[in-house]
Amino acid sequence: MPQRMPRVKNEEQYEALRDKGYSKEKSVRIANTPDAGKKGGKAKPYEEWSRDDLYDQAKNVGIEGRSKMTKKELIHALRNN
């Protein structure tokens, strides 16, 4: 069964990332992240997030297998996808 790509919320940003050579998956993930590309550094590190918040973020960016992941695995998947 082919993997279905999540809907892109910011087409302009997605296309710009693809033009820079980013993968389709990473481009979708970044383009679908609220406030992506804005500076500020105000987000807490993933280690301070709850597992439920990490799960929701993994869901937003389309990480497969997230329901069976531990908090540590979710952090790893979010940082490396």
PDB file of N, CA and C in Angstrom:
ATOM      1  N   MET A   1       0.842  -1.164   0.000  1.00  0.00           N
ATOM      2  CA  MET A   1       0.000   0.000   0.000  1.00  0.00           C
ATOM      3  C   MET A   1       0.900   1.243   0.000  1.00  0.00           C
ATOM      4  N   PRO A   2       0.711   2.164  -0.931  1.00  0.00           N
ATOM      5  CA  PRO A   2       1.553   3.359  -0.967  1.00  0.00           C
ATOM      6  C   PRO A   2       1.268   4.274   0.218  1.00  0.00           C
ATOM      7  N   GLN A   3       2.319   4.930   0.687  1.00  0.00           N
ATOM      8  CA  GLN A   3       2.181   5.846   1.813  1.00  0.00           C
ATOM      9  C   GLN A   3       1.543   7.137   1.320  1.00  0.00           C
ATOM     10  N   ARG A   4       0.532   7.613   2.034  1.00  0.00           N
ATOM     11  CA  ARG A   4      -0.173   8.824   1.663  1.00  0.00           C
ATOM     12  C   ARG A   4       0.512  10.023   2.312  1.00  0.00           C
ATOM     13  N   MET A   5       0.790  11.042   1.511  1.00  0.00           N
ATOM     14  CA  MET A   5       1.412  12.257   2.040  1.00  0.00           C
ATOM     15  C   MET A   5       0.344  13.101   2.732  1.00  0.00           C
ATOM     16  N   PRO A   6       0.678  13.688   3.890  1.00  0.00           N
ATOM     17  CA  PRO A   6      -0.269  14.576   4.557  1.00  0.00           C
ATOM     18  C   PRO A   6      -0.534  15.817   3.691  1.00  0.00           C
ATOM     19  N   ARG A   7      -1.656  16.449   3.925  1.00  0.00           N
ATOM     20  CA  ARG A   7      -2.006  17.668   3.207  1.00  0.00           C
ATOM     21  C   ARG A   7      -1.029  18.786   3.597  1.00  0.00           C
ATOM     22  N   VAL A   8      -0.585  19.544   2.610  1.00  0.00           N
ATOM     23  CA  VAL A   8       0.354  20.643   2.854  1.00  0.00           C
ATOM     24  C   VAL A   8      -0.443  21.893   3.208  1.00  0.00           C
ATOM     25  N   LYS A   9      -0.106  22.513   4.344  1.00  0.00           N
ATOM     26  CA  LYS A   9      -0.831  23.694   4.802  1.00  0.00           C
ATOM     27  C   LYS A   9      -0.240  24.986   4.244  1.00  0.00           C
ATOM     28  N   ASN A  10       1.061  24.996   3.957  1.00  0.00           N
ATOM     29  CA  ASN A  10       1.711  26.198   3.437  1.00  0.00           C
ATOM     30  C   ASN A  10       2.431  25.821   2.142  1.00  0.00           C
ATOM     31  N   GLU A  11       1.696  25.873   1.028  1.00  0.00           N
ATOM     32  CA  GLU A  11       2.223  25.450  -0.275  1.00  0.00           C
ATOM     33  C   GLU A  11       3.470  26.245  -0.681  1.00  0.00           C
ATOM     34  N   GLU A  12       3.450  27.542  -0.438  1.00  0.00           N
ATOM     35  CA  GLU A  12       4.580  28.395  -0.836  1.00  0.00           C
ATOM     36  C   GLU A  12       5.863  27.965  -0.119  1.00  0.00           C
ATOM     37  N   GLN A  13       5.765  27.741   1.172  1.00  0.00           N
ATOM     38  CA  GLN A  13       6.929  27.311   1.937  1.00  0.00           C
ATOM     39  C   GLN A  13       7.364  25.911   1.504  1.00  0.00           C
ATOM     40  N   TYR A  14       6.397  25.026   1.263  1.00  0.00           N
ATOM     41  CA  TYR A  14       6.700  23.669   0.807  1.00  0.00           C
ATOM     42  C   TYR A  14       7.505  23.715  -0.492  1.00  0.00           C
ATOM     43  N   GLU A  15       7.037  24.485  -1.463  1.00  0.00           N
ATOM     44  CA  GLU A  15       7.729  24.570  -2.755  1.00  0.00           C
ATOM     45  C   GLU A  15       9.131  25.168  -2.603  1.00  0.00           C
ATOM     46  N   ALA A  16       9.280  26.158  -1.732  1.00  0.00           N
ATOM     47  CA  ALA A  16      10.593  26.761  -1.502  1.00  0.00           C
ATOM     48  C   ALA A  16      11.565  25.741  -0.909  1.00  0.00           C
ATOM     49  N   LEU A  17      11.074  24.930   0.005  1.00  0.00           N
ATOM     50  CA  LEU A  17      11.924  23.895   0.614  1.00  0.00           C
ATOM     51  C   LEU A  17      12.295  22.823  -0.404  1.00  0.00           C
ATOM     52  N   ARG A  18      11.338  22.423  -1.242  1.00  0.00           N
ATOM     53  CA  ARG A  18      11.626  21.428  -2.283  1.00  0.00           C
ATOM     54  C   ARG A  18      12.669  21.977  -3.242  1.00  0.00           C
ATOM     55  N   ASP A  19      12.567  23.271  -3.592  1.00  0.00           N
ATOM     56  CA  ASP A  19      13.547  23.900  -4.487  1.00  0.00           C
ATOM     57  C   ASP A  19      14.944  23.908  -3.870  1.00  0.00           C
ATOM     58  N   LYS A  20      15.017  23.948  -2.545  1.00  0.00           N
ATOM     59  CA  LYS A  20      16.303  23.923  -1.841  1.00  0.00           C
ATOM     60  C   LYS A  20      16.863  22.510  -1.729  1.00  0.00           C
ATOM     61  N   GLY A  21      16.058  21.501  -2.119  1.00  0.00           N
ATOM     62  CA  GLY A  21      16.545  20.129  -2.097  1.00  0.00           C
ATOM     63  C   GLY A  21      16.071  19.294  -0.925  1.00  0.00           C
ATOM     64  N   TYR A  22      15.170  19.828  -0.118  1.00  0.00           N
ATOM     65  CA  TYR A  22      14.634  19.051   0.991  1.00  0.00           C
ATOM     66  C   TYR A  22      13.766  17.919   0.450  1.00  0.00           C
ATOM     67  N   SER A  23      13.667  16.818   1.205  1.00  0.00           N
ATOM     68  CA  SER A  23      12.807  15.704   0.805  1.00  0.00           C
ATOM     69  C   SER A  23      11.347  16.138   0.894  1.00  0.00           C
ATOM     70  N   LYS A  24      10.480  15.388   0.231  1.00  0.00           N
ATOM     71  CA  LYS A  24       9.048  15.694   0.283  1.00  0.00           C
ATOM     72  C   LYS A  24       8.543  15.626   1.716  1.00  0.00           C
ATOM     73  N   GLU A  25       8.959  14.581   2.440  1.00  0.00           N
ATOM     74  CA  GLU A  25       8.485  14.388   3.803  1.00  0.00           C
ATOM     75  C   GLU A  25       8.910  15.527   4.722  1.00  0.00           C
ATOM     76  N   LYS A  26      10.183  15.911   4.635  1.00  0.00           N
ATOM     77  CA  LYS A  26      10.677  16.985   5.498  1.00  0.00           C
ATOM     78  C   LYS A  26      10.037  18.318   5.125  1.00  0.00           C
ATOM     79  N   SER A  27       9.843  18.540   3.822  1.00  0.00           N
ATOM     80  CA  SER A  27       9.204  19.774   3.374  1.00  0.00           C
ATOM     81  C   SER A  27       7.777  19.882   3.896  1.00  0.00           C
ATOM     82  N   VAL A  28       7.023  18.775   3.833  1.00  0.00           N
ATOM     83  CA  VAL A  28       5.648  18.768   4.351  1.00  0.00           C
ATOM     84  C   VAL A  28       5.660  19.032   5.846  1.00  0.00           C
ATOM     85  N   ARG A  29       6.553  18.361   6.557  1.00  0.00           N
ATOM     86  CA  ARG A  29       6.626  18.507   8.006  1.00  0.00           C
ATOM     87  C   ARG A  29       6.892  19.958   8.402  1.00  0.00           C
ATOM     88  N   ILE A  30       7.845  20.584   7.736  1.00  0.00           N
ATOM     89  CA  ILE A  30       8.174  21.973   8.069  1.00  0.00           C
ATOM     90  C   ILE A  30       7.033  22.907   7.673  1.00  0.00           C
ATOM     91  N   ALA A  31       6.481  22.716   6.480  1.00  0.00           N
ATOM     92  CA  ALA A  31       5.408  23.586   5.992  1.00  0.00           C
ATOM     93  C   ALA A  31       4.135  23.445   6.821  1.00  0.00           C
ATOM     94  N   ASN A  32       3.955  22.329   7.495  1.00  0.00           N
ATOM     95  CA  ASN A  32       2.764  22.114   8.315  1.00  0.00           C
ATOM     96  C   ASN A  32       2.956  22.473   9.775  1.00  0.00           C
ATOM     97  N   THR A  33       4.154  22.869  10.158  1.00  0.00           N
ATOM     98  CA  THR A  33       4.426  23.235  11.539  1.00  0.00           C
ATOM     99  C   THR A  33       4.024  24.694  11.757  1.00  0.00           C
ATOM    100  N   PRO A  34       3.136  24.949  12.716  1.00  0.00           N
ATOM    101  CA  PRO A  34       2.741  26.333  12.977  1.00  0.00           C
ATOM    102  C   PRO A  34       3.955  27.191  13.324  1.00  0.00           C
ATOM    103  N   ASP A  35       4.011  28.360  12.758  1.00  0.00           N
ATOM    104  CA  ASP A  35       5.088  29.331  12.999  1.00  0.00           C
ATOM    105  C   ASP A  35       6.453  28.838  12.542  1.00  0.00           C
ATOM    106  N   ALA A  36       6.493  27.854  11.643  1.00  0.00           N
ATOM    107  CA  ALA A  36       7.784  27.381  11.123  1.00  0.00           C
ATOM    108  C   ALA A  36       8.473  28.512  10.383  1.00  0.00           C
ATOM    109  N   GLY A  37       9.742  28.619  10.581  1.00  0.00           N
ATOM    110  CA  GLY A  37      10.521  29.634   9.891  1.00  0.00           C
ATOM    111  C   GLY A  37      10.572  30.963  10.619  1.00  0.00           C
ATOM    112  N   LYS A  38       9.790  31.119  11.667  1.00  0.00           N
ATOM    113  CA  LYS A  38       9.827  32.361  12.431  1.00  0.00           C
ATOM    114  C   LYS A  38      10.887  32.230  13.516  1.00  0.00           C
ATOM    115  N   LYS A  39      11.597  33.297  13.730  1.00  0.00           N
ATOM    116  CA  LYS A  39      12.633  33.283  14.753  1.00  0.00           C
ATOM    117  C   LYS A  39      12.032  33.562  16.109  1.00  0.00           C
ATOM    118  N   GLY A  40      12.744  33.198  17.119  1.00  0.00           N
ATOM    119  CA  GLY A  40      12.276  33.493  18.455  1.00  0.00           C
ATOM    120  C   GLY A  40      12.822  32.536  19.491  1.00  0.00           C
ATOM    121  N   GLY A  41      12.924  31.261  19.157  1.00  0.00           N
ATOM    122  CA  GLY A  41      13.484  30.285  20.075  1.00  0.00           C
ATOM    123  C   GLY A  41      12.742  30.197  21.386  1.00  0.00           C
ATOM    124  N   LYS A  42      11.440  30.384  21.356  1.00  0.00           N
ATOM    125  CA  LYS A  42      10.668  30.412  22.591  1.00  0.00           C
ATOM    126  C   LYS A  42      10.102  29.051  22.968  1.00  0.00           C
ATOM    127  N   ALA A  43      10.198  28.092  22.075  1.00  0.00           N
ATOM    128  CA  ALA A  43       9.659  26.766  22.374  1.00  0.00           C
ATOM    129  C   ALA A  43      10.554  26.051  23.382  1.00  0.00           C
ATOM    130  N   LYS A  44       9.898  25.304  24.276  1.00  0.00           N
ATOM    131  CA  LYS A  44      10.650  24.507  25.240  1.00  0.00           C
ATOM    132  C   LYS A  44      11.305  23.341  24.513  1.00  0.00           C
ATOM    133  N   PRO A  45      12.430  22.856  25.001  1.00  0.00           N
ATOM    134  CA  PRO A  45      13.038  21.664  24.389  1.00  0.00           C
ATOM    135  C   PRO A  45      12.080  20.479  24.516  1.00  0.00           C
ATOM    136  N   TYR A  46      12.157  19.555  23.552  1.00  0.00           N
ATOM    137  CA  TYR A  46      11.260  18.398  23.552  1.00  0.00           C
ATOM    138  C   TYR A  46      11.284  17.636  24.875  1.00  0.00           C
ATOM    139  N   GLU A  47      12.409  17.610  25.555  1.00  0.00           N
ATOM    140  CA  GLU A  47      12.507  16.882  26.828  1.00  0.00           C
ATOM    141  C   GLU A  47      11.538  17.437  27.873  1.00  0.00           C
ATOM    142  N   GLU A  48      11.135  18.692  27.734  1.00  0.00           N
ATOM    143  CA  GLU A  48      10.202  19.306  28.677  1.00  0.00           C
ATOM    144  C   GLU A  48       8.745  19.157  28.250  1.00  0.00           C
ATOM    145  N   TRP A  49       8.500  18.618  27.048  1.00  0.00           N
ATOM    146  CA  TRP A  49       7.135  18.400  26.556  1.00  0.00           C
ATOM    147  C   TRP A  49       6.580  17.131  27.186  1.00  0.00           C
ATOM    148  N   SER A  50       5.264  17.054  27.306  1.00  0.00           N
ATOM    149  CA  SER A  50       4.635  15.811  27.754  1.00  0.00           C
ATOM    150  C   SER A  50       4.639  14.814  26.589  1.00  0.00           C
ATOM    151  N   ARG A  51       4.463  13.544  26.901  1.00  0.00           N
ATOM    152  CA  ARG A  51       4.415  12.535  25.845  1.00  0.00           C
ATOM    153  C   ARG A  51       3.227  12.807  24.918  1.00  0.00           C
ATOM    154  N   ASP A  52       2.103  13.243  25.491  1.00  0.00           N
ATOM    155  CA  ASP A  52       0.925  13.542  24.675  1.00  0.00           C
ATOM    156  C   ASP A  52       1.196  14.686  23.699  1.00  0.00           C
ATOM    157  N   ASP A  53       1.906  15.715  24.147  1.00  0.00           N
ATOM    158  CA  ASP A  53       2.248  16.825  23.256  1.00  0.00           C
ATOM    159  C   ASP A  53       3.202  16.369  22.157  1.00  0.00           C
ATOM    160  N   LEU A  54       4.167  15.529  22.519  1.00  0.00           N
ATOM    161  CA  LEU A  54       5.087  14.981  21.514  1.00  0.00           C
ATOM    162  C   LEU A  54       4.334  14.127  20.504  1.00  0.00           C
ATOM    163  N   TYR A  55       3.388  13.327  20.980  1.00  0.00           N
ATOM    164  CA  TYR A  55       2.565  12.496  20.110  1.00  0.00           C
ATOM    165  C   TYR A  55       1.781  13.375  19.125  1.00  0.00           C
ATOM    166  N   ASP A  56       1.172  14.441  19.629  1.00  0.00           N
ATOM    167  CA  ASP A  56       0.409  15.345  18.760  1.00  0.00           C
ATOM    168  C   ASP A  56       1.301  15.986  17.706  1.00  0.00           C
ATOM    169  N   GLN A  57       2.511  16.382  18.102  1.00  0.00           N
ATOM    170  CA  GLN A  57       3.441  16.970  17.135  1.00  0.00           C
ATOM    171  C   GLN A  57       3.845  15.930  16.093  1.00  0.00           C
ATOM    172  N   ALA A  58       4.101  14.708  16.528  1.00  0.00           N
ATOM    173  CA  ALA A  58       4.447  13.631  15.592  1.00  0.00           C
ATOM    174  C   ALA A  58       3.298  13.373  14.623  1.00  0.00           C
ATOM    175  N   LYS A  59       2.084  13.457  15.121  1.00  0.00           N
ATOM    176  CA  LYS A  59       0.906  13.286  14.270  1.00  0.00           C
ATOM    177  C   LYS A  59       0.828  14.421  13.245  1.00  0.00           C
ATOM    178  N   ASN A  60       1.075  15.653  13.685  1.00  0.00           N
ATOM    179  CA  ASN A  60       1.028  16.818  12.793  1.00  0.00           C
ATOM    180  C   ASN A  60       2.031  16.712  11.649  1.00  0.00           C
ATOM    181  N   VAL A  61       3.181  16.124  11.925  1.00  0.00           N
ATOM    182  CA  VAL A  61       4.221  16.052  10.897  1.00  0.00           C
ATOM    183  C   VAL A  61       4.229  14.717  10.165  1.00  0.00           C
ATOM    184  N   GLY A  62       3.320  13.818  10.528  1.00  0.00           N
ATOM    185  CA  GLY A  62       3.159  12.580   9.772  1.00  0.00           C
ATOM    186  C   GLY A  62       4.138  11.467  10.084  1.00  0.00           C
ATOM    187  N   ILE A  63       4.573  11.360  11.326  1.00  0.00           N
ATOM    188  CA  ILE A  63       5.496  10.292  11.708  1.00  0.00           C
ATOM    189  C   ILE A  63       4.706   9.004  11.921  1.00  0.00           C
ATOM    190  N   GLU A  64       5.096   7.971  11.196  1.00  0.00           N
ATOM    191  CA  GLU A  64       4.423   6.667  11.277  1.00  0.00           C
ATOM    192  C   GLU A  64       4.865   5.916  12.534  1.00  0.00           C
ATOM    193  N   GLY A  65       3.973   5.095  13.096  1.00  0.00           N
ATOM    194  CA  GLY A  65       4.291   4.259  14.243  1.00  0.00           C
ATOM    195  C   GLY A  65       4.346   4.999  15.564  1.00  0.00           C
ATOM    196  N   ARG A  66       3.870   6.217  15.583  1.00  0.00           N
ATOM    197  CA  ARG A  66       3.992   7.070  16.777  1.00  0.00           C
ATOM    198  C   ARG A  66       3.220   6.538  17.980  1.00  0.00           C
ATOM    199  N   SER A  67       2.143   5.808  17.745  1.00  0.00           N
ATOM    200  CA  SER A  67       1.319   5.354  18.872  1.00  0.00           C
ATOM    201  C   SER A  67       2.044   4.351  19.763  1.00  0.00           C
ATOM    202  N   LYS A  68       3.027   3.661  19.217  1.00  0.00           N
ATOM    203  CA  LYS A  68       3.766   2.664  19.998  1.00  0.00           C
ATOM    204  C   LYS A  68       5.086   3.207  20.540  1.00  0.00           C
ATOM    205  N   MET A  69       5.391   4.473  20.259  1.00  0.00           N
ATOM    206  CA  MET A  69       6.678   5.038  20.668  1.00  0.00           C
ATOM    207  C   MET A  69       6.648   5.555  22.106  1.00  0.00           C
ATOM    208  N   THR A  70       7.798   5.428  22.752  1.00  0.00           N
ATOM    209  CA  THR A  70       7.987   6.029  24.066  1.00  0.00           C
ATOM    210  C   THR A  70       8.286   7.515  23.876  1.00  0.00           C
ATOM    211  N   LYS A  71       8.320   8.241  24.976  1.00  0.00           N
ATOM    212  CA  LYS A  71       8.653   9.662  24.904  1.00  0.00           C
ATOM    213  C   LYS A  71      10.025   9.856  24.257  1.00  0.00           C
ATOM    214  N   LYS A  72      10.994   9.057  24.672  1.00  0.00           N
ATOM    215  CA  LYS A  72      12.346   9.159  24.120  1.00  0.00           C
ATOM    216  C   LYS A  72      12.349   8.873  22.610  1.00  0.00           C
ATOM    217  N   GLU A  73      11.586   7.875  22.193  1.00  0.00           N
ATOM    218  CA  GLU A  73      11.514   7.528  20.768  1.00  0.00           C
ATOM    219  C   GLU A  73      10.823   8.622  19.960  1.00  0.00           C
ATOM    220  N   LEU A  74       9.793   9.242  20.542  1.00  0.00           N
ATOM    221  CA  LEU A  74       9.117  10.342  19.858  1.00  0.00           C
ATOM    222  C   LEU A  74      10.065  11.521  19.659  1.00  0.00           C
ATOM    223  N   ILE A  75      10.839  11.841  20.686  1.00  0.00           N
ATOM    224  CA  ILE A  75      11.814  12.933  20.578  1.00  0.00           C
ATOM    225  C   ILE A  75      12.809  12.632  19.465  1.00  0.00           C
ATOM    226  N   HIS A  76      13.320  11.418  19.445  1.00  0.00           N
ATOM    227  CA  HIS A  76      14.290  11.010  18.406  1.00  0.00           C
ATOM    228  C   HIS A  76      13.659  11.128  17.015  1.00  0.00           C
ATOM    229  N   ALA A  77      12.431  10.627  16.872  1.00  0.00           N
ATOM    230  CA  ALA A  77      11.757  10.664  15.569  1.00  0.00           C
ATOM    231  C   ALA A  77      11.502  12.095  15.108  1.00  0.00           C
ATOM    232  N   LEU A  78      11.093  12.970  16.018  1.00  0.00           N
ATOM    233  CA  LEU A  78      10.824  14.360  15.658  1.00  0.00           C
ATOM    234  C   LEU A  78      12.106  15.089  15.243  1.00  0.00           C
ATOM    235  N   ARG A  79      13.192  14.782  15.909  1.00  0.00           N
ATOM    236  CA  ARG A  79      14.444  15.466  15.589  1.00  0.00           C
ATOM    237  C   ARG A  79      15.115  14.930  14.319  1.00  0.00           C
ATOM    238  N   ASN A  80      14.811  13.695  13.953  1.00  0.00           N
ATOM    239  CA  ASN A  80      15.539  13.079  12.848  1.00  0.00           C
ATOM    240  C   ASN A  80      14.699  12.874  11.595  1.00  0.00           C
ATOM    241  N   ASN A  81      13.488  13.370  11.582  1.00  0.00           N
ATOM    242  CA  ASN A  81      12.661  13.242  10.381  1.00  0.00           C
ATOM    243  C   ASN A  81      12.492  14.542   9.684  1.00  0.00           C
TER     244      ASN A  81
END
